[in-house]
N, C-alpha and C. Protein backbone atom coordinates (compact mmCIF):
# COMPACT_ATOMS: atom_id res chain seq x y z
N MET A 1 -62.39 7.61 35.70
CA MET A 1 -61.42 7.62 34.67
C MET A 1 -60.34 6.63 35.02
N PHE A 2 -59.92 5.92 33.90
CA PHE A 2 -58.89 4.87 34.08
C PHE A 2 -57.51 5.42 33.92
N ALA A 3 -56.63 5.17 34.87
CA ALA A 3 -55.24 5.63 34.76
C ALA A 3 -54.36 4.32 34.71
N PRO A 4 -53.61 4.17 33.65
CA PRO A 4 -52.78 2.97 33.55
C PRO A 4 -51.67 2.97 34.60
N HIS A 5 -51.39 1.84 35.07
CA HIS A 5 -50.30 1.65 36.05
C HIS A 5 -48.98 1.84 35.30
N PRO A 6 -47.93 2.44 35.89
CA PRO A 6 -46.67 2.63 35.23
C PRO A 6 -46.04 1.31 34.67
N ALA A 7 -46.26 0.24 35.35
CA ALA A 7 -45.75 -1.04 34.84
C ALA A 7 -46.45 -1.44 33.55
N GLU A 8 -47.76 -1.12 33.44
CA GLU A 8 -48.47 -1.44 32.23
C GLU A 8 -47.99 -0.64 31.05
N VAL A 9 -47.66 0.65 31.35
CA VAL A 9 -47.12 1.50 30.27
C VAL A 9 -45.78 0.95 29.78
N LEU A 10 -44.95 0.53 30.72
CA LEU A 10 -43.66 0.01 30.35
C LEU A 10 -43.79 -1.27 29.52
N VAL A 11 -44.74 -2.14 29.92
CA VAL A 11 -44.99 -3.39 29.17
C VAL A 11 -45.47 -3.03 27.78
N PHE A 12 -46.36 -2.08 27.65
CA PHE A 12 -46.87 -1.65 26.36
C PHE A 12 -45.71 -1.15 25.48
N LEU A 13 -44.85 -0.32 26.04
CA LEU A 13 -43.74 0.21 25.26
C LEU A 13 -42.80 -0.91 24.79
N VAL A 14 -42.49 -1.85 25.70
CA VAL A 14 -41.59 -2.90 25.34
C VAL A 14 -42.22 -3.89 24.36
N VAL A 15 -43.46 -4.27 24.58
CA VAL A 15 -44.10 -5.33 23.80
C VAL A 15 -44.59 -4.78 22.44
N VAL A 16 -45.06 -3.57 22.37
CA VAL A 16 -45.63 -3.05 21.12
C VAL A 16 -44.69 -2.12 20.39
N LEU A 17 -44.20 -1.11 21.05
CA LEU A 17 -43.43 -0.07 20.33
C LEU A 17 -42.02 -0.49 20.02
N LEU A 18 -41.37 -1.29 20.84
CA LEU A 18 -40.01 -1.73 20.53
C LEU A 18 -39.96 -2.56 19.29
N PRO A 19 -40.79 -3.58 19.13
CA PRO A 19 -40.77 -4.33 17.86
C PRO A 19 -41.06 -3.44 16.64
N VAL A 20 -41.97 -2.48 16.80
CA VAL A 20 -42.29 -1.60 15.70
C VAL A 20 -41.06 -0.76 15.35
N ALA A 21 -40.35 -0.28 16.33
CA ALA A 21 -39.15 0.54 16.07
C ALA A 21 -38.08 -0.32 15.40
N VAL A 22 -37.93 -1.57 15.80
CA VAL A 22 -36.93 -2.46 15.17
C VAL A 22 -37.31 -2.73 13.74
N ILE A 23 -38.57 -2.96 13.45
CA ILE A 23 -39.02 -3.22 12.11
C ILE A 23 -38.79 -2.00 11.21
N VAL A 24 -39.13 -0.83 11.72
CA VAL A 24 -38.90 0.40 10.95
C VAL A 24 -37.42 0.58 10.68
N ALA A 25 -36.56 0.34 11.66
CA ALA A 25 -35.14 0.48 11.44
C ALA A 25 -34.63 -0.52 10.38
N LEU A 26 -35.10 -1.74 10.42
CA LEU A 26 -34.71 -2.74 9.41
C LEU A 26 -35.20 -2.35 8.02
N VAL A 27 -36.38 -1.84 7.92
CA VAL A 27 -36.87 -1.40 6.60
C VAL A 27 -36.06 -0.27 6.06
N LEU A 28 -35.72 0.69 6.89
CA LEU A 28 -34.86 1.82 6.46
C LEU A 28 -33.50 1.33 6.04
N ALA A 29 -32.92 0.39 6.74
CA ALA A 29 -31.61 -0.13 6.41
C ALA A 29 -31.70 -0.86 5.06
N ILE A 30 -32.74 -1.60 4.82
CA ILE A 30 -32.89 -2.32 3.56
C ILE A 30 -33.07 -1.36 2.39
N VAL A 31 -33.84 -0.28 2.62
CA VAL A 31 -34.03 0.72 1.61
C VAL A 31 -32.71 1.37 1.28
N ARG A 32 -31.89 1.73 2.28
CA ARG A 32 -30.57 2.39 2.02
C ARG A 32 -29.63 1.42 1.31
N LEU A 33 -29.66 0.14 1.72
CA LEU A 33 -28.82 -0.84 1.04
C LEU A 33 -29.23 -0.98 -0.40
N ARG A 34 -30.47 -1.09 -0.66
CA ARG A 34 -30.95 -1.24 -2.07
C ARG A 34 -30.57 0.00 -2.89
N ALA A 35 -30.64 1.16 -2.28
CA ALA A 35 -30.26 2.39 -3.01
C ALA A 35 -28.74 2.33 -3.36
N ARG A 36 -27.93 1.82 -2.45
CA ARG A 36 -26.50 1.73 -2.71
C ARG A 36 -26.20 0.68 -3.80
N VAL A 37 -26.93 -0.44 -3.77
CA VAL A 37 -26.77 -1.44 -4.82
C VAL A 37 -27.14 -0.87 -6.17
N ASP A 38 -28.27 -0.15 -6.22
CA ASP A 38 -28.71 0.46 -7.46
C ASP A 38 -27.61 1.44 -7.95
N SER A 39 -27.04 2.22 -7.07
CA SER A 39 -26.03 3.17 -7.45
C SER A 39 -24.81 2.45 -8.03
N LEU A 40 -24.40 1.36 -7.41
CA LEU A 40 -23.26 0.61 -7.91
C LEU A 40 -23.55 -0.03 -9.28
N GLU A 41 -24.80 -0.49 -9.45
CA GLU A 41 -25.15 -1.08 -10.73
C GLU A 41 -25.21 -0.08 -11.87
N ARG A 42 -25.45 1.17 -11.57
CA ARG A 42 -25.50 2.21 -12.59
C ARG A 42 -24.14 2.75 -12.99
N GLN A 43 -23.10 2.41 -12.22
CA GLN A 43 -21.77 2.90 -12.57
C GLN A 43 -21.33 2.25 -13.84
N ARG A 44 -20.60 3.05 -14.61
CA ARG A 44 -20.12 2.51 -15.91
C ARG A 44 -18.98 1.50 -15.68
N PRO A 45 -18.80 0.57 -16.55
CA PRO A 45 -17.71 -0.37 -16.43
C PRO A 45 -16.38 0.33 -16.70
N VAL A 46 -15.30 -0.30 -16.26
CA VAL A 46 -13.99 0.25 -16.50
C VAL A 46 -13.71 0.19 -18.00
N GLY A 47 -13.30 1.30 -18.56
CA GLY A 47 -13.03 1.33 -19.98
C GLY A 47 -11.54 1.28 -20.26
N ALA A 48 -11.22 1.25 -21.56
CA ALA A 48 -9.81 1.15 -21.97
C ALA A 48 -9.00 2.37 -21.50
N GLY A 49 -9.59 3.55 -21.52
CA GLY A 49 -8.88 4.74 -21.06
C GLY A 49 -8.51 4.66 -19.57
N ASP A 50 -9.45 4.07 -18.78
CA ASP A 50 -9.18 3.89 -17.36
C ASP A 50 -8.05 2.92 -17.18
N LEU A 51 -8.01 1.84 -17.95
CA LEU A 51 -6.95 0.85 -17.82
C LEU A 51 -5.58 1.43 -18.19
N GLU A 52 -5.57 2.26 -19.25
CA GLU A 52 -4.29 2.89 -19.61
C GLU A 52 -3.80 3.85 -18.53
N ALA A 53 -4.70 4.57 -17.91
CA ALA A 53 -4.31 5.44 -16.80
C ALA A 53 -3.77 4.64 -15.60
N LEU A 54 -4.42 3.49 -15.31
CA LEU A 54 -3.89 2.64 -14.26
C LEU A 54 -2.54 2.05 -14.59
N ARG A 55 -2.34 1.66 -15.85
CA ARG A 55 -1.05 1.11 -16.25
C ARG A 55 0.04 2.18 -16.12
N ALA A 56 -0.29 3.42 -16.48
CA ALA A 56 0.68 4.49 -16.36
C ALA A 56 1.05 4.72 -14.90
N ASP A 57 0.06 4.71 -14.00
CA ASP A 57 0.29 4.89 -12.59
C ASP A 57 1.17 3.74 -12.03
N ILE A 58 0.85 2.54 -12.40
CA ILE A 58 1.62 1.41 -11.91
C ILE A 58 3.04 1.46 -12.42
N GLY A 59 3.23 1.95 -13.67
CA GLY A 59 4.56 2.05 -14.25
C GLY A 59 5.46 2.99 -13.48
N GLN A 60 4.87 3.97 -12.79
CA GLN A 60 5.64 4.97 -12.02
C GLN A 60 5.88 4.54 -10.60
N ALA A 61 5.30 3.42 -10.19
CA ALA A 61 5.47 2.92 -8.84
C ALA A 61 6.87 2.35 -8.68
N LEU A 62 7.49 2.67 -7.53
CA LEU A 62 8.78 2.09 -7.23
C LEU A 62 8.59 0.67 -6.76
N ARG A 63 8.58 -0.24 -7.69
CA ARG A 63 8.24 -1.62 -7.33
C ARG A 63 9.30 -2.65 -7.68
N HIS A 64 10.35 -2.22 -8.27
CA HIS A 64 11.48 -3.16 -8.60
C HIS A 64 12.56 -2.91 -7.57
N VAL A 65 12.82 -3.90 -6.74
CA VAL A 65 13.77 -3.75 -5.64
C VAL A 65 14.75 -4.91 -5.64
N ALA A 66 16.01 -4.57 -5.35
CA ALA A 66 17.01 -5.64 -5.18
C ALA A 66 18.03 -5.14 -4.16
N VAL A 67 18.58 -6.06 -3.37
CA VAL A 67 19.57 -5.75 -2.35
C VAL A 67 20.75 -6.65 -2.56
N VAL A 68 21.91 -6.04 -2.50
CA VAL A 68 23.20 -6.76 -2.60
C VAL A 68 23.91 -6.51 -1.28
N ARG A 69 24.22 -7.61 -0.55
CA ARG A 69 24.97 -7.54 0.68
C ARG A 69 26.41 -7.94 0.41
N TYR A 70 27.34 -7.27 1.12
CA TYR A 70 28.75 -7.54 0.90
C TYR A 70 29.60 -7.08 2.09
N ASP A 71 30.85 -7.50 2.09
CA ASP A 71 31.82 -7.03 3.08
C ASP A 71 32.58 -5.89 2.41
N ALA A 72 32.41 -4.67 2.91
CA ALA A 72 33.07 -3.51 2.32
C ALA A 72 34.56 -3.50 2.60
N PHE A 73 34.96 -4.09 3.71
CA PHE A 73 36.38 -4.11 4.10
C PHE A 73 36.81 -5.55 4.32
N GLY A 74 38.05 -5.84 3.97
CA GLY A 74 38.55 -7.20 4.04
C GLY A 74 38.58 -7.78 5.47
N ASP A 75 38.75 -6.90 6.47
CA ASP A 75 38.87 -7.41 7.84
C ASP A 75 37.52 -7.52 8.55
N MET A 76 36.45 -7.25 7.83
CA MET A 76 35.08 -7.37 8.43
C MET A 76 34.43 -8.62 7.86
N GLY A 77 33.57 -9.21 8.66
CA GLY A 77 32.80 -10.37 8.18
C GLY A 77 31.31 -10.12 8.33
N GLY A 78 30.53 -11.03 7.88
CA GLY A 78 29.11 -10.96 8.09
C GLY A 78 28.29 -10.22 7.03
N ARG A 79 28.96 -9.71 6.01
CA ARG A 79 28.29 -9.01 4.94
C ARG A 79 27.29 -8.00 5.47
N LEU A 80 27.76 -7.08 6.29
CA LEU A 80 26.88 -6.08 6.93
C LEU A 80 26.69 -4.85 6.07
N SER A 81 27.45 -4.65 5.07
CA SER A 81 27.26 -3.51 4.13
C SER A 81 26.25 -3.97 3.07
N PHE A 82 25.53 -3.01 2.53
CA PHE A 82 24.56 -3.37 1.46
C PHE A 82 24.34 -2.18 0.52
N SER A 83 23.85 -2.55 -0.68
CA SER A 83 23.36 -1.59 -1.65
C SER A 83 21.98 -2.05 -2.07
N ALA A 84 21.01 -1.14 -2.04
CA ALA A 84 19.64 -1.49 -2.41
C ALA A 84 19.20 -0.55 -3.53
N ALA A 85 18.70 -1.11 -4.60
CA ALA A 85 18.16 -0.31 -5.70
C ALA A 85 16.64 -0.45 -5.68
N ILE A 86 15.96 0.70 -5.82
CA ILE A 86 14.53 0.76 -5.87
C ILE A 86 14.13 1.66 -7.04
N VAL A 87 13.53 1.01 -8.06
CA VAL A 87 13.22 1.75 -9.30
C VAL A 87 11.86 1.41 -9.84
N ASP A 88 11.35 2.28 -10.74
CA ASP A 88 10.08 2.03 -11.39
C ASP A 88 10.31 1.37 -12.74
N ASP A 89 9.32 1.23 -13.57
CA ASP A 89 9.41 0.52 -14.84
C ASP A 89 10.36 1.22 -15.81
N ARG A 90 10.48 2.53 -15.73
CA ARG A 90 11.41 3.27 -16.64
C ARG A 90 12.82 3.24 -16.15
N GLY A 91 13.06 2.75 -14.91
CA GLY A 91 14.41 2.75 -14.36
C GLY A 91 14.71 3.96 -13.55
N ASP A 92 13.69 4.77 -13.16
CA ASP A 92 13.87 5.93 -12.32
C ASP A 92 13.70 5.48 -10.87
N GLY A 93 14.57 6.03 -10.00
CA GLY A 93 14.45 5.68 -8.58
C GLY A 93 15.65 6.09 -7.79
N VAL A 94 16.12 5.19 -6.94
CA VAL A 94 17.24 5.50 -6.04
C VAL A 94 18.03 4.23 -5.72
N VAL A 95 19.31 4.43 -5.49
CA VAL A 95 20.15 3.39 -4.93
C VAL A 95 20.64 3.88 -3.57
N LEU A 96 20.40 3.06 -2.57
CA LEU A 96 20.83 3.36 -1.20
C LEU A 96 21.95 2.38 -0.84
N SER A 97 23.05 2.93 -0.26
CA SER A 97 24.15 2.06 0.17
C SER A 97 24.51 2.38 1.61
N SER A 98 24.77 1.36 2.35
CA SER A 98 25.23 1.56 3.71
C SER A 98 26.55 0.75 3.84
N ILE A 99 27.59 1.48 4.20
CA ILE A 99 28.92 0.90 4.35
C ILE A 99 29.18 0.76 5.83
N HIS A 100 29.36 -0.50 6.23
CA HIS A 100 29.56 -0.81 7.67
C HIS A 100 31.05 -1.05 7.95
N ALA A 101 31.60 -0.26 8.88
CA ALA A 101 32.98 -0.45 9.33
C ALA A 101 32.98 -0.76 10.79
N ARG A 102 34.16 -0.99 11.36
CA ARG A 102 34.20 -1.34 12.80
C ARG A 102 33.65 -0.25 13.68
N GLY A 103 34.05 1.00 13.45
CA GLY A 103 33.69 2.08 14.33
C GLY A 103 32.55 2.94 13.83
N GLU A 104 32.09 2.74 12.61
CA GLU A 104 31.04 3.62 12.09
C GLU A 104 30.34 2.94 10.92
N SER A 105 29.23 3.55 10.55
CA SER A 105 28.47 3.13 9.37
C SER A 105 28.05 4.37 8.59
N ARG A 106 28.23 4.37 7.32
CA ARG A 106 27.88 5.53 6.49
C ARG A 106 26.83 5.10 5.48
N THR A 107 25.91 6.01 5.21
CA THR A 107 24.81 5.69 4.26
C THR A 107 24.84 6.74 3.16
N TYR A 108 24.63 6.23 1.93
CA TYR A 108 24.66 7.09 0.75
C TYR A 108 23.39 6.82 -0.08
N ALA A 109 22.92 7.86 -0.74
CA ALA A 109 21.78 7.75 -1.65
C ALA A 109 22.17 8.42 -2.99
N LYS A 110 21.86 7.68 -4.06
CA LYS A 110 22.16 8.19 -5.41
C LYS A 110 20.92 8.08 -6.27
N GLY A 111 20.54 9.18 -6.88
CA GLY A 111 19.36 9.16 -7.74
C GLY A 111 19.65 8.41 -9.03
N ILE A 112 18.60 7.74 -9.51
CA ILE A 112 18.67 6.98 -10.76
C ILE A 112 17.65 7.51 -11.74
N THR A 113 18.06 7.84 -12.94
CA THR A 113 17.17 8.31 -14.00
C THR A 113 17.38 7.44 -15.23
N GLU A 114 16.33 6.80 -15.70
CA GLU A 114 16.38 5.94 -16.89
C GLU A 114 17.52 4.94 -16.82
N GLY A 115 17.70 4.37 -15.62
CA GLY A 115 18.67 3.31 -15.45
C GLY A 115 20.11 3.73 -15.16
N GLY A 116 20.33 5.04 -15.14
CA GLY A 116 21.70 5.52 -14.91
C GLY A 116 21.73 6.62 -13.83
N SER A 117 22.95 7.03 -13.48
CA SER A 117 23.10 8.01 -12.43
C SER A 117 24.15 9.03 -12.79
N ASP A 118 23.98 10.25 -12.37
CA ASP A 118 25.03 11.28 -12.55
C ASP A 118 26.23 10.96 -11.68
N ALA A 119 25.97 10.34 -10.52
CA ALA A 119 27.08 9.96 -9.61
C ALA A 119 27.63 8.60 -10.10
N THR A 120 28.87 8.40 -9.80
CA THR A 120 29.49 7.10 -10.16
C THR A 120 28.94 6.04 -9.22
N LEU A 121 28.51 4.93 -9.81
CA LEU A 121 27.99 3.80 -9.02
C LEU A 121 29.10 2.81 -8.75
N THR A 122 29.13 2.32 -7.56
CA THR A 122 30.10 1.26 -7.20
C THR A 122 29.65 -0.04 -7.90
N PRO A 123 30.55 -1.02 -7.99
CA PRO A 123 30.17 -2.30 -8.60
C PRO A 123 28.95 -2.91 -7.88
N GLU A 124 28.89 -2.80 -6.55
CA GLU A 124 27.77 -3.36 -5.80
C GLU A 124 26.48 -2.65 -6.11
N GLU A 125 26.56 -1.29 -6.25
CA GLU A 125 25.35 -0.53 -6.61
C GLU A 125 24.89 -0.86 -8.03
N GLN A 126 25.84 -1.02 -8.97
CA GLN A 126 25.50 -1.41 -10.31
C GLN A 126 24.85 -2.79 -10.31
N GLN A 127 25.37 -3.72 -9.50
CA GLN A 127 24.79 -5.05 -9.42
C GLN A 127 23.37 -4.99 -8.86
N ALA A 128 23.13 -4.16 -7.84
CA ALA A 128 21.80 -4.07 -7.25
C ALA A 128 20.85 -3.44 -8.30
N LEU A 129 21.29 -2.41 -9.01
CA LEU A 129 20.47 -1.79 -10.01
C LEU A 129 20.11 -2.75 -11.15
N SER A 130 21.11 -3.48 -11.60
CA SER A 130 20.87 -4.48 -12.66
C SER A 130 19.86 -5.56 -12.19
N ALA A 131 20.03 -6.01 -10.94
CA ALA A 131 19.16 -7.02 -10.41
C ALA A 131 17.73 -6.51 -10.28
N ALA A 132 17.58 -5.25 -9.86
CA ALA A 132 16.22 -4.66 -9.71
C ALA A 132 15.55 -4.54 -11.10
N ARG A 133 16.31 -4.15 -12.05
CA ARG A 133 15.71 -3.97 -13.40
C ARG A 133 15.38 -5.31 -14.09
N THR A 134 16.10 -6.35 -13.75
CA THR A 134 15.81 -7.65 -14.36
C THR A 134 14.98 -8.56 -13.49
N GLY A 135 14.79 -8.12 -12.24
CA GLY A 135 13.95 -8.94 -11.33
C GLY A 135 14.67 -10.02 -10.61
N ARG A 136 16.04 -10.06 -10.68
CA ARG A 136 16.81 -11.08 -9.98
C ARG A 136 17.35 -10.47 -8.68
N GLN A 137 17.24 -11.21 -7.63
CA GLN A 137 17.78 -10.81 -6.30
C GLN A 137 19.15 -11.38 -6.11
N SER A 138 20.06 -10.59 -5.60
CA SER A 138 21.43 -11.09 -5.37
C SER A 138 21.65 -11.36 -3.92
């Protein structure tokens, strides 16, 4: 009876079975890729209703931003105070202001609804809000 040498078995595995395993793996990958391509091709195109929903979502994004830098106090330099307006297409959002003084800094947030606020806006906050709504940076 013939008994193969362990080295011969190893050579057989490497020379014959390894290439077969690689070919089978490639065929399976190609089949899966083709199935994914077919799935993508069967998807319906984007319709008008989808576009309207996307436009509505984009309209609610806080994407209009403007920052106004200024000196809040006459004895300070460097325009370290600022007001920043961040609003969506309807004018809803927030105005953030940071007032920098020698010994401290204070930060304020005021809600904005349809371009206005229940709280009184400073001239700098109004300027930032106007710039955000018109797309001009100050």
